[in-house]
């Protein structure tokens, strides 16, 4: 089957919006990802997000051991322009990016301004699992009481992310993809803390 740039992108978009409006809700892009044919060597769900998010009006930055190759493919398929992390609208932290790259990317990401808070970055992070890992408690808009999630490798970026989002409405939004095509969204309005085990 071939990826349909209209139907499949719309379906994926609805899933992402649902997940973003209900932080902690895990949705799955398996159906759309099975049709993605970028062949970047990374998660097909990340490729779906790239097709959904990137166009000629936005800029992006890739952090990966094969950064130039992936950047070229994303540009070829979406016509979006590559830029530096501090100017990029979308930042892709792929599964083989280093700890140093990850920290640099999040610290550099733009957080918008008080007059234009929407001019901030959305960061897409590939991780092994959004169902197993460090136990976290999410609170904030869209969450009735507190929502529990477990995300692998979250210790690598959680503290930096929380620091970037301390002055609402400024901040960054994060979309996490995993090896099973699951996605989990963490908008800037969500407070995240590690679960304290009793």
N, C-alpha and C. Protein backbone atom coordinates (compact mmCIF):
# COMPACT_ATOMS: atom_id res chain seq x y z
N UNK A 1 0.84 -1.19 0.00
CA UNK A 1 0.00 0.00 0.00
C UNK A 1 0.88 1.25 0.00
N UNK A 2 0.37 2.30 -0.61
CA UNK A 2 1.11 3.55 -0.71
C UNK A 2 0.54 4.58 0.25
N UNK A 3 1.44 5.36 0.83
CA UNK A 3 1.03 6.41 1.75
C UNK A 3 0.25 7.48 0.99
N UNK A 4 -0.93 7.82 1.48
CA UNK A 4 -1.78 8.83 0.84
C UNK A 4 -1.57 10.16 1.56
N UNK A 5 -1.01 11.13 0.85
CA UNK A 5 -0.65 12.40 1.47
C UNK A 5 -1.85 13.18 1.97
N UNK A 6 -3.04 12.86 1.50
CA UNK A 6 -4.24 13.54 1.98
C UNK A 6 -4.89 12.72 3.09
N UNK A 7 -5.33 11.53 2.75
CA UNK A 7 -6.09 10.73 3.72
C UNK A 7 -5.26 10.32 4.93
N UNK A 8 -4.09 9.77 4.69
CA UNK A 8 -3.27 9.27 5.81
C UNK A 8 -2.73 10.40 6.68
N UNK A 9 -2.38 11.52 6.07
CA UNK A 9 -1.92 12.67 6.85
C UNK A 9 -3.06 13.21 7.71
N UNK A 10 -4.26 13.28 7.16
CA UNK A 10 -5.41 13.75 7.94
C UNK A 10 -5.71 12.83 9.11
N UNK A 11 -5.64 11.53 8.87
CA UNK A 11 -5.90 10.55 9.94
C UNK A 11 -4.85 10.68 11.03
N UNK A 12 -3.59 10.78 10.65
CA UNK A 12 -2.50 10.95 11.62
C UNK A 12 -2.66 12.26 12.38
N UNK A 13 -3.05 13.31 11.68
CA UNK A 13 -3.22 14.62 12.31
C UNK A 13 -4.29 14.57 13.41
N UNK A 14 -5.40 13.90 13.11
CA UNK A 14 -6.46 13.79 14.12
C UNK A 14 -5.97 13.05 15.36
N UNK A 15 -5.16 12.03 15.15
CA UNK A 15 -4.63 11.26 16.28
C UNK A 15 -3.68 12.11 17.12
N UNK A 16 -2.83 12.89 16.45
CA UNK A 16 -1.88 13.74 17.18
C UNK A 16 -2.61 14.82 17.95
N UNK A 17 -3.61 15.44 17.33
CA UNK A 17 -4.38 16.49 18.02
C UNK A 17 -5.09 15.91 19.23
N UNK A 18 -5.65 14.71 19.09
CA UNK A 18 -6.32 14.04 20.22
C UNK A 18 -5.33 13.79 21.35
N UNK A 19 -4.14 13.32 21.00
CA UNK A 19 -3.12 13.05 22.00
C UNK A 19 -2.59 14.34 22.63
N UNK A 20 -2.47 15.40 21.84
CA UNK A 20 -1.98 16.68 22.37
C UNK A 20 -3.00 17.32 23.31
N UNK A 21 -4.28 17.13 23.01
CA UNK A 21 -5.32 17.73 23.86
C UNK A 21 -5.57 16.93 25.13
N UNK A 22 -5.12 15.67 25.13
CA UNK A 22 -5.24 14.83 26.33
C UNK A 22 -3.86 14.25 26.66
N UNK A 23 -3.00 15.10 27.24
CA UNK A 23 -1.61 14.68 27.50
C UNK A 23 -1.53 13.37 28.26
N UNK A 24 -0.67 12.49 27.79
CA UNK A 24 -0.52 11.18 28.41
C UNK A 24 -1.27 10.09 27.68
N UNK A 25 -2.22 10.48 26.82
CA UNK A 25 -2.95 9.48 26.05
C UNK A 25 -2.04 8.97 24.94
N UNK A 26 -1.87 7.66 24.88
CA UNK A 26 -1.03 7.05 23.86
C UNK A 26 -1.90 6.68 22.66
N UNK A 27 -1.51 7.16 21.50
CA UNK A 27 -2.21 6.77 20.28
C UNK A 27 -1.21 6.04 19.37
N UNK A 28 -1.74 5.39 18.35
CA UNK A 28 -0.89 4.53 17.53
C UNK A 28 -1.00 4.90 16.06
N UNK A 29 0.15 5.01 15.41
CA UNK A 29 0.19 5.32 13.98
C UNK A 29 0.58 4.11 13.13
N UNK A 30 0.29 2.92 13.65
CA UNK A 30 0.69 1.69 12.96
C UNK A 30 0.16 1.64 11.52
N UNK A 31 -1.12 1.95 11.36
CA UNK A 31 -1.73 1.85 10.02
C UNK A 31 -1.06 2.81 9.04
N UNK A 32 -0.85 4.06 9.48
CA UNK A 32 -0.22 5.04 8.61
C UNK A 32 1.26 4.73 8.42
N UNK A 33 1.91 4.31 9.49
CA UNK A 33 3.35 4.02 9.44
C UNK A 33 3.66 2.86 8.51
N UNK A 34 2.74 1.89 8.40
CA UNK A 34 2.98 0.73 7.55
C UNK A 34 3.05 1.12 6.07
N UNK A 35 2.55 2.30 5.74
CA UNK A 35 2.57 2.76 4.35
C UNK A 35 3.71 3.73 4.06
N UNK A 36 4.35 4.23 5.11
CA UNK A 36 5.42 5.21 4.92
C UNK A 36 6.60 4.57 4.19
N UNK A 37 7.13 5.26 3.22
CA UNK A 37 8.20 4.66 2.40
C UNK A 37 9.41 5.58 2.25
N UNK A 38 9.72 6.31 3.31
CA UNK A 38 10.92 7.16 3.30
C UNK A 38 12.19 6.32 3.27
N UNK A 39 12.15 5.21 4.02
CA UNK A 39 13.32 4.34 4.19
C UNK A 39 14.51 5.10 4.76
N UNK A 40 14.24 5.87 5.80
CA UNK A 40 15.31 6.62 6.46
C UNK A 40 16.11 5.73 7.40
N UNK A 41 15.54 4.59 7.80
CA UNK A 41 16.17 3.76 8.80
C UNK A 41 15.70 4.09 10.21
N UNK A 42 14.78 5.04 10.32
CA UNK A 42 14.26 5.44 11.62
C UNK A 42 12.80 5.02 11.73
N UNK A 43 12.14 5.41 12.80
CA UNK A 43 10.77 4.94 13.03
C UNK A 43 9.83 5.45 11.94
N UNK A 44 9.06 4.56 11.32
CA UNK A 44 8.09 5.00 10.31
C UNK A 44 7.08 6.02 10.86
N UNK A 45 6.76 5.92 12.16
CA UNK A 45 5.84 6.89 12.76
C UNK A 45 6.45 8.29 12.74
N UNK A 46 7.76 8.38 12.89
CA UNK A 46 8.44 9.68 12.80
C UNK A 46 8.35 10.20 11.37
N UNK A 47 8.48 9.31 10.41
CA UNK A 47 8.36 9.71 9.00
C UNK A 47 6.96 10.24 8.71
N UNK A 48 5.94 9.60 9.28
CA UNK A 48 4.56 10.07 9.12
C UNK A 48 4.42 11.49 9.70
N UNK A 49 4.98 11.70 10.89
CA UNK A 49 4.92 13.03 11.49
C UNK A 49 5.62 14.06 10.62
N UNK A 50 6.74 13.68 10.02
CA UNK A 50 7.44 14.62 9.14
C UNK A 50 6.58 15.01 7.96
N UNK A 51 5.91 14.04 7.34
CA UNK A 51 5.02 14.33 6.21
C UNK A 51 3.85 15.20 6.65
N UNK A 52 3.42 15.03 7.89
CA UNK A 52 2.29 15.79 8.42
C UNK A 52 2.68 17.21 8.78
N UNK A 53 3.86 17.39 9.35
CA UNK A 53 4.23 18.68 9.93
C UNK A 53 5.00 19.61 9.00
N UNK A 54 5.77 19.03 8.09
CA UNK A 54 6.68 19.84 7.29
C UNK A 54 6.10 20.26 5.94
N UNK A 55 6.36 21.51 5.58
CA UNK A 55 6.00 22.01 4.25
C UNK A 55 6.92 23.19 3.94
N UNK A 56 6.64 23.89 2.87
CA UNK A 56 7.53 24.96 2.42
C UNK A 56 7.54 26.17 3.35
N UNK A 57 6.59 26.23 4.28
CA UNK A 57 6.48 27.40 5.16
C UNK A 57 7.25 27.26 6.46
N UNK A 58 7.81 26.07 6.74
CA UNK A 58 8.45 25.84 8.04
C UNK A 58 9.90 25.40 7.86
N UNK A 59 10.65 25.46 8.96
CA UNK A 59 12.03 25.00 8.96
C UNK A 59 12.17 23.84 9.95
N UNK A 60 13.19 23.02 9.75
CA UNK A 60 13.39 21.87 10.62
C UNK A 60 14.88 21.63 10.84
N UNK A 61 15.17 20.88 11.88
CA UNK A 61 16.54 20.48 12.18
C UNK A 61 16.53 19.02 12.63
N UNK A 62 17.46 18.24 12.13
CA UNK A 62 17.59 16.83 12.48
C UNK A 62 18.85 16.63 13.32
N UNK A 63 18.71 15.87 14.40
CA UNK A 63 19.87 15.44 15.18
C UNK A 63 19.95 13.92 15.09
N UNK A 64 21.02 13.43 14.49
CA UNK A 64 21.15 12.00 14.21
C UNK A 64 22.59 11.72 13.81
N UNK A 65 22.99 10.46 13.92
CA UNK A 65 24.30 10.06 13.43
C UNK A 65 24.37 10.18 11.91
N UNK A 66 23.21 10.19 11.26
CA UNK A 66 23.14 10.30 9.80
C UNK A 66 22.33 11.55 9.43
N UNK A 67 22.68 12.63 10.08
CA UNK A 67 21.93 13.88 9.95
C UNK A 67 21.80 14.37 8.51
N UNK A 68 22.88 14.39 7.77
CA UNK A 68 22.84 14.92 6.40
C UNK A 68 21.93 14.10 5.51
N UNK A 69 21.99 12.78 5.65
CA UNK A 69 21.16 11.89 4.83
C UNK A 69 19.68 12.11 5.11
N UNK A 70 19.31 12.12 6.39
CA UNK A 70 17.90 12.28 6.76
C UNK A 70 17.41 13.67 6.39
N UNK A 71 18.24 14.68 6.62
CA UNK A 71 17.86 16.05 6.26
C UNK A 71 17.57 16.15 4.77
N UNK A 72 18.40 15.52 3.95
CA UNK A 72 18.19 15.54 2.51
C UNK A 72 16.88 14.88 2.11
N UNK A 73 16.56 13.75 2.75
CA UNK A 73 15.31 13.06 2.45
C UNK A 73 14.09 13.90 2.85
N UNK A 74 14.14 14.49 4.05
CA UNK A 74 13.01 15.31 4.50
C UNK A 74 12.80 16.50 3.59
N UNK A 75 13.88 17.11 3.16
CA UNK A 75 13.78 18.22 2.24
C UNK A 75 13.20 17.79 0.90
N UNK A 76 13.64 16.63 0.42
CA UNK A 76 13.18 16.11 -0.86
C UNK A 76 11.68 15.80 -0.85
N UNK A 77 11.21 15.21 0.26
CA UNK A 77 9.82 14.79 0.33
C UNK A 77 8.85 15.90 0.74
N UNK A 78 9.33 16.90 1.48
CA UNK A 78 8.41 17.90 2.03
C UNK A 78 8.69 19.32 1.52
N UNK A 79 9.87 19.55 0.96
CA UNK A 79 10.31 20.87 0.51
C UNK A 79 10.51 21.87 1.65
N UNK A 80 10.46 21.38 2.88
CA UNK A 80 10.75 22.26 4.02
C UNK A 80 12.25 22.55 4.03
N UNK A 81 12.61 23.70 4.60
CA UNK A 81 14.01 24.10 4.63
C UNK A 81 14.66 23.70 5.95
N UNK A 82 15.87 23.21 5.86
CA UNK A 82 16.63 22.88 7.07
C UNK A 82 17.19 24.17 7.67
N UNK A 83 17.29 24.20 8.99
CA UNK A 83 17.83 25.37 9.67
C UNK A 83 18.55 24.95 10.93
N UNK A 84 19.07 25.90 11.66
CA UNK A 84 19.73 25.61 12.94
C UNK A 84 18.69 25.41 14.02
N UNK A 85 19.10 24.74 15.10
CA UNK A 85 18.16 24.37 16.16
C UNK A 85 17.46 25.57 16.78
N UNK A 86 18.17 26.70 16.91
CA UNK A 86 17.57 27.86 17.58
C UNK A 86 16.57 28.61 16.69
N UNK A 87 16.46 28.21 15.43
CA UNK A 87 15.51 28.84 14.51
C UNK A 87 14.47 27.87 13.97
N UNK A 88 14.67 26.59 14.19
CA UNK A 88 13.80 25.57 13.58
C UNK A 88 12.42 25.52 14.23
N UNK A 89 11.41 25.34 13.38
CA UNK A 89 10.04 25.16 13.88
C UNK A 89 9.84 23.74 14.42
N UNK A 90 10.54 22.79 13.80
CA UNK A 90 10.43 21.39 14.21
C UNK A 90 11.83 20.80 14.33
N UNK A 91 12.07 20.13 15.45
CA UNK A 91 13.37 19.51 15.71
C UNK A 91 13.16 18.01 15.87
N UNK A 92 13.89 17.22 15.10
CA UNK A 92 13.78 15.76 15.15
C UNK A 92 15.00 15.18 15.86
N UNK A 93 14.76 14.58 17.03
CA UNK A 93 15.82 13.92 17.79
C UNK A 93 15.67 12.42 17.57
N UNK A 94 16.43 11.90 16.63
CA UNK A 94 16.26 10.52 16.22
C UNK A 94 16.97 9.57 17.18
N UNK A 95 16.62 8.29 17.09
CA UNK A 95 17.00 7.32 18.11
C UNK A 95 18.49 7.17 18.31
N UNK A 96 19.30 7.54 17.32
CA UNK A 96 20.74 7.40 17.48
C UNK A 96 21.45 8.72 17.77
N UNK A 97 20.70 9.77 18.09
CA UNK A 97 21.38 11.02 18.44
C UNK A 97 22.03 10.86 19.81
N UNK A 98 23.10 11.56 20.03
CA UNK A 98 23.85 11.44 21.27
C UNK A 98 23.19 12.24 22.39
N UNK A 99 23.58 11.93 23.61
CA UNK A 99 23.10 12.69 24.76
C UNK A 99 23.44 14.17 24.62
N UNK A 100 24.64 14.44 24.14
CA UNK A 100 25.07 15.83 23.96
C UNK A 100 24.21 16.54 22.91
N UNK A 101 23.91 15.85 21.81
CA UNK A 101 23.04 16.43 20.78
C UNK A 101 21.65 16.71 21.33
N UNK A 102 21.13 15.75 22.09
CA UNK A 102 19.79 15.88 22.64
C UNK A 102 19.70 17.10 23.55
N UNK A 103 20.66 17.22 24.45
CA UNK A 103 20.67 18.35 25.38
C UNK A 103 20.80 19.67 24.64
N UNK A 104 21.70 19.70 23.66
CA UNK A 104 21.90 20.92 22.89
C UNK A 104 20.63 21.33 22.15
N UNK A 105 19.95 20.35 21.57
CA UNK A 105 18.75 20.63 20.79
C UNK A 105 17.66 21.25 21.66
N UNK A 106 17.41 20.65 22.80
CA UNK A 106 16.33 21.16 23.66
C UNK A 106 16.70 22.51 24.25
N UNK A 107 17.95 22.67 24.66
CA UNK A 107 18.38 23.96 25.22
C UNK A 107 18.32 25.07 24.17
N UNK A 108 18.59 24.72 22.91
CA UNK A 108 18.61 25.72 21.84
C UNK A 108 17.23 26.05 21.30
N UNK A 109 16.26 25.16 21.49
CA UNK A 109 14.95 25.30 20.85
C UNK A 109 14.28 26.62 21.22
N UNK A 110 13.67 27.23 20.23
CA UNK A 110 13.00 28.52 20.47
C UNK A 110 11.70 28.30 21.25
N UNK A 111 11.40 29.25 22.14
CA UNK A 111 10.24 29.12 23.03
C UNK A 111 9.16 30.15 22.72
N UNK A 112 9.33 30.89 21.62
CA UNK A 112 8.36 31.92 21.29
C UNK A 112 8.60 33.18 22.10
N UNK A 113 7.67 34.13 21.98
CA UNK A 113 7.75 35.38 22.74
C UNK A 113 6.40 35.64 23.38
N UNK A 114 6.34 36.60 24.28
CA UNK A 114 5.07 36.89 24.95
C UNK A 114 4.01 37.36 23.95
N UNK A 115 4.44 38.07 22.91
CA UNK A 115 3.47 38.51 21.90
C UNK A 115 3.17 37.42 20.88
N UNK A 116 4.13 36.50 20.66
CA UNK A 116 3.93 35.41 19.70
C UNK A 116 4.40 34.08 20.29
N UNK A 117 3.70 33.58 21.31
CA UNK A 117 4.14 32.33 21.93
C UNK A 117 4.06 31.13 21.00
N UNK A 118 3.25 31.25 19.93
CA UNK A 118 3.12 30.15 18.97
C UNK A 118 4.37 30.00 18.10
N UNK A 119 5.24 30.98 18.12
CA UNK A 119 6.47 30.90 17.32
C UNK A 119 7.55 30.15 18.10
N UNK A 120 7.20 28.99 18.54
CA UNK A 120 8.10 28.15 19.33
C UNK A 120 8.34 26.84 18.58
N UNK A 121 9.21 26.03 19.12
CA UNK A 121 9.54 24.77 18.45
C UNK A 121 8.69 23.62 18.99
N UNK A 122 8.43 22.68 18.09
CA UNK A 122 7.90 21.38 18.47
C UNK A 122 9.01 20.37 18.27
N UNK A 123 9.26 19.56 19.30
CA UNK A 123 10.36 18.61 19.25
C UNK A 123 9.80 17.20 19.16
N UNK A 124 10.29 16.44 18.19
CA UNK A 124 9.90 15.04 18.01
C UNK A 124 11.06 14.19 18.50
N UNK A 125 10.80 13.35 19.50
CA UNK A 125 11.84 12.53 20.11
C UNK A 125 11.52 11.06 19.87
N UNK A 126 12.48 10.33 19.31
CA UNK A 126 12.35 8.88 19.18
C UNK A 126 12.90 8.21 20.44
N UNK A 127 12.11 7.30 21.01
CA UNK A 127 12.57 6.55 22.17
C UNK A 127 12.10 5.11 22.01
N UNK A 128 12.66 4.22 22.80
CA UNK A 128 12.33 2.80 22.65
C UNK A 128 10.87 2.50 22.97
N UNK A 129 10.35 3.13 24.04
CA UNK A 129 8.97 2.82 24.44
C UNK A 129 8.34 3.97 25.19
N UNK A 130 7.04 4.19 24.92
CA UNK A 130 6.27 5.16 25.71
C UNK A 130 5.36 4.41 26.69
N UNK A 131 5.65 3.13 26.90
CA UNK A 131 4.88 2.33 27.85
C UNK A 131 5.75 1.73 28.95
N UNK A 132 7.06 1.73 28.77
CA UNK A 132 7.97 1.17 29.77
C UNK A 132 9.15 2.11 29.95
N UNK A 133 9.51 2.35 31.20
CA UNK A 133 10.65 3.22 31.48
C UNK A 133 10.47 3.91 32.81
N UNK A 134 10.87 5.17 32.86
CA UNK A 134 10.74 5.96 34.08
C UNK A 134 9.28 6.34 34.30
N UNK A 135 8.77 6.09 35.50
CA UNK A 135 7.39 6.42 35.83
C UNK A 135 7.25 7.92 36.08
N UNK A 136 6.30 8.53 35.39
CA UNK A 136 6.07 9.97 35.51
C UNK A 136 4.62 10.25 35.85
N UNK A 137 4.39 11.39 36.48
CA UNK A 137 3.04 11.86 36.76
C UNK A 137 2.83 13.15 35.98
N UNK A 138 1.76 13.19 35.18
CA UNK A 138 1.43 14.37 34.39
C UNK A 138 0.24 15.08 35.02
N UNK A 139 0.30 16.40 35.11
CA UNK A 139 -0.82 17.20 35.57
C UNK A 139 -0.92 18.43 34.67
N UNK A 140 -2.10 19.09 34.72
CA UNK A 140 -2.28 20.30 33.94
C UNK A 140 -3.53 20.22 33.07
N UNK A 141 -3.72 21.19 32.18
CA UNK A 141 -4.90 21.22 31.31
C UNK A 141 -5.05 19.93 30.50
N UNK A 142 -6.29 19.45 30.41
CA UNK A 142 -6.58 18.23 29.65
C UNK A 142 -6.41 16.97 30.47
N UNK A 143 -6.00 17.12 31.75
CA UNK A 143 -5.80 15.96 32.63
C UNK A 143 -6.68 16.16 33.85
N UNK A 144 -7.60 15.23 34.09
CA UNK A 144 -8.59 15.42 35.15
C UNK A 144 -7.96 15.48 36.53
N UNK A 145 -7.14 14.51 36.87
CA UNK A 145 -6.48 14.53 38.18
C UNK A 145 -4.98 14.46 37.97
N UNK A 146 -4.46 13.27 37.79
CA UNK A 146 -3.05 13.08 37.46
C UNK A 146 -2.95 11.85 36.59
N UNK A 147 -2.12 11.90 35.58
CA UNK A 147 -2.03 10.78 34.64
C UNK A 147 -0.64 10.17 34.74
N UNK A 148 -0.59 8.84 34.84
CA UNK A 148 0.67 8.13 34.95
C UNK A 148 1.14 7.66 33.58
N UNK A 149 2.40 7.88 33.27
CA UNK A 149 3.00 7.34 32.06
C UNK A 149 4.39 6.80 32.41
N UNK A 150 4.91 5.93 31.55
CA UNK A 150 6.27 5.42 31.70
C UNK A 150 6.99 5.56 30.36
N UNK A 151 8.08 6.32 30.34
CA UNK A 151 8.78 6.62 29.10
C UNK A 151 10.24 6.24 29.25
N UNK A 152 10.77 5.54 28.26
CA UNK A 152 12.18 5.17 28.31
C UNK A 152 13.07 6.37 27.97
N UNK A 153 14.24 6.42 28.58
CA UNK A 153 15.26 7.45 28.34
C UNK A 153 14.82 8.87 28.66
N UNK A 154 13.79 9.01 29.48
CA UNK A 154 13.28 10.34 29.80
C UNK A 154 14.26 11.15 30.66
N UNK A 155 15.08 10.46 31.43
CA UNK A 155 16.05 11.17 32.27
C UNK A 155 17.01 12.03 31.45
N UNK A 156 17.16 11.69 30.18
CA UNK A 156 18.09 12.42 29.32
C UNK A 156 17.61 13.83 29.01
N UNK A 157 16.30 14.08 29.13
CA UNK A 157 15.80 15.39 28.71
C UNK A 157 14.75 16.03 29.61
N UNK A 158 14.23 15.33 30.59
CA UNK A 158 13.11 15.85 31.38
C UNK A 158 13.44 17.16 32.09
N UNK A 159 14.57 17.22 32.76
CA UNK A 159 14.92 18.42 33.52
C UNK A 159 15.07 19.64 32.62
N UNK A 160 15.69 19.43 31.45
CA UNK A 160 15.88 20.54 30.51
C UNK A 160 14.53 20.99 29.97
N UNK A 161 13.68 20.04 29.66
CA UNK A 161 12.34 20.36 29.15
C UNK A 161 11.55 21.17 30.17
N UNK A 162 11.57 20.77 31.42
CA UNK A 162 10.83 21.48 32.45
C UNK A 162 11.36 22.91 32.63
N UNK A 163 12.67 23.06 32.52
CA UNK A 163 13.28 24.39 32.64
C UNK A 163 12.83 25.29 31.48
N UNK A 164 12.76 24.74 30.28
CA UNK A 164 12.35 25.51 29.10
C UNK A 164 10.90 25.99 29.21
N UNK A 165 10.09 25.24 29.95
CA UNK A 165 8.65 25.53 30.00
C UNK A 165 8.21 26.21 31.29
N UNK A 166 9.14 26.82 32.01
CA UNK A 166 8.78 27.35 33.33
C UNK A 166 8.03 28.68 33.27
N UNK A 167 8.05 29.36 32.12
CA UNK A 167 7.40 30.67 32.02
C UNK A 167 6.30 30.66 30.96
N UNK A 168 5.19 30.01 31.29
CA UNK A 168 4.04 29.97 30.36
C UNK A 168 3.60 31.40 30.04
N UNK A 169 3.23 31.69 28.76
CA UNK A 169 2.94 30.78 27.65
C UNK A 169 4.16 30.40 26.81
N UNK A 170 5.35 30.79 27.24
CA UNK A 170 6.54 30.40 26.49
C UNK A 170 6.85 28.93 26.73
N UNK A 171 7.50 28.29 25.77
CA UNK A 171 7.87 26.90 25.97
C UNK A 171 7.89 26.09 24.70
N UNK A 172 8.16 24.80 24.87
CA UNK A 172 8.24 23.87 23.74
C UNK A 172 7.21 22.76 23.92
N UNK A 173 6.72 22.25 22.81
CA UNK A 173 5.85 21.07 22.81
C UNK A 173 6.67 19.87 22.34
N UNK A 174 6.36 18.70 22.89
CA UNK A 174 7.11 17.49 22.54
C UNK A 174 6.16 16.40 22.07
N UNK A 175 6.55 15.73 21.00
CA UNK A 175 5.85 14.52 20.54
C UNK A 175 6.87 13.39 20.59
N UNK A 176 6.52 12.32 21.30
CA UNK A 176 7.43 11.18 21.43
C UNK A 176 6.91 10.03 20.58
N UNK A 177 7.79 9.44 19.79
CA UNK A 177 7.43 8.25 19.01
C UNK A 177 8.27 7.08 19.50
N UNK A 178 7.72 5.87 19.37
CA UNK A 178 8.50 4.71 19.82
C UNK A 178 8.56 3.61 18.76
N UNK A 179 9.23 2.54 19.11
CA UNK A 179 9.49 1.46 18.16
C UNK A 179 8.23 0.71 17.76
N UNK A 180 7.14 0.88 18.51
CA UNK A 180 5.88 0.21 18.20
C UNK A 180 4.87 1.13 17.53
N UNK A 181 5.35 2.25 17.00
CA UNK A 181 4.51 3.23 16.28
C UNK A 181 3.56 3.99 17.20
N UNK A 182 3.80 3.94 18.51
CA UNK A 182 2.98 4.70 19.44
C UNK A 182 3.50 6.12 19.54
N UNK A 183 2.59 7.05 19.81
CA UNK A 183 2.99 8.43 20.05
C UNK A 183 2.37 8.92 21.35
N UNK A 184 3.08 9.82 22.01
CA UNK A 184 2.61 10.43 23.24
C UNK A 184 3.00 11.89 23.17
N UNK A 185 2.06 12.78 23.44
CA UNK A 185 2.33 14.22 23.33
C UNK A 185 2.43 14.87 24.69
N UNK A 186 3.38 15.79 24.81
CA UNK A 186 3.60 16.54 26.04
C UNK A 186 3.62 18.03 25.70
N UNK A 187 2.44 18.66 25.71
CA UNK A 187 2.41 20.09 25.43
C UNK A 187 3.07 20.89 26.54
N UNK A 188 3.39 22.13 26.25
CA UNK A 188 4.10 22.97 27.22
C UNK A 188 3.29 23.21 28.49
N UNK A 189 1.97 23.07 28.41
CA UNK A 189 1.11 23.32 29.57
C UNK A 189 1.13 22.18 30.58
N UNK A 190 1.72 21.05 30.21
CA UNK A 190 1.73 19.87 31.08
C UNK A 190 2.91 19.92 32.05
N UNK A 191 2.58 19.73 33.32
CA UNK A 191 3.64 19.62 34.33
C UNK A 191 4.02 18.15 34.46
N UNK A 192 5.31 17.88 34.49
CA UNK A 192 5.80 16.50 34.55
C UNK A 192 6.74 16.35 35.74
N UNK A 193 6.49 15.34 36.54
CA UNK A 193 7.40 15.02 37.64
C UNK A 193 7.54 13.51 37.73
N UNK A 194 8.67 13.09 38.25
CA UNK A 194 8.88 11.67 38.45
C UNK A 194 7.99 11.16 39.58
N UNK A 195 7.48 9.97 39.40
CA UNK A 195 6.66 9.37 40.44
C UNK A 195 7.54 8.97 41.62
N UNK A 196 7.10 9.36 42.79
CA UNK A 196 7.82 8.99 44.01
C UNK A 196 7.22 7.69 44.53
N UNK A 197 8.02 6.65 44.56
CA UNK A 197 7.53 5.35 45.01
C UNK A 197 7.49 5.30 46.53
N UNK A 198 6.36 4.85 47.03
CA UNK A 198 6.19 4.78 48.49
C UNK A 198 6.83 3.54 49.06
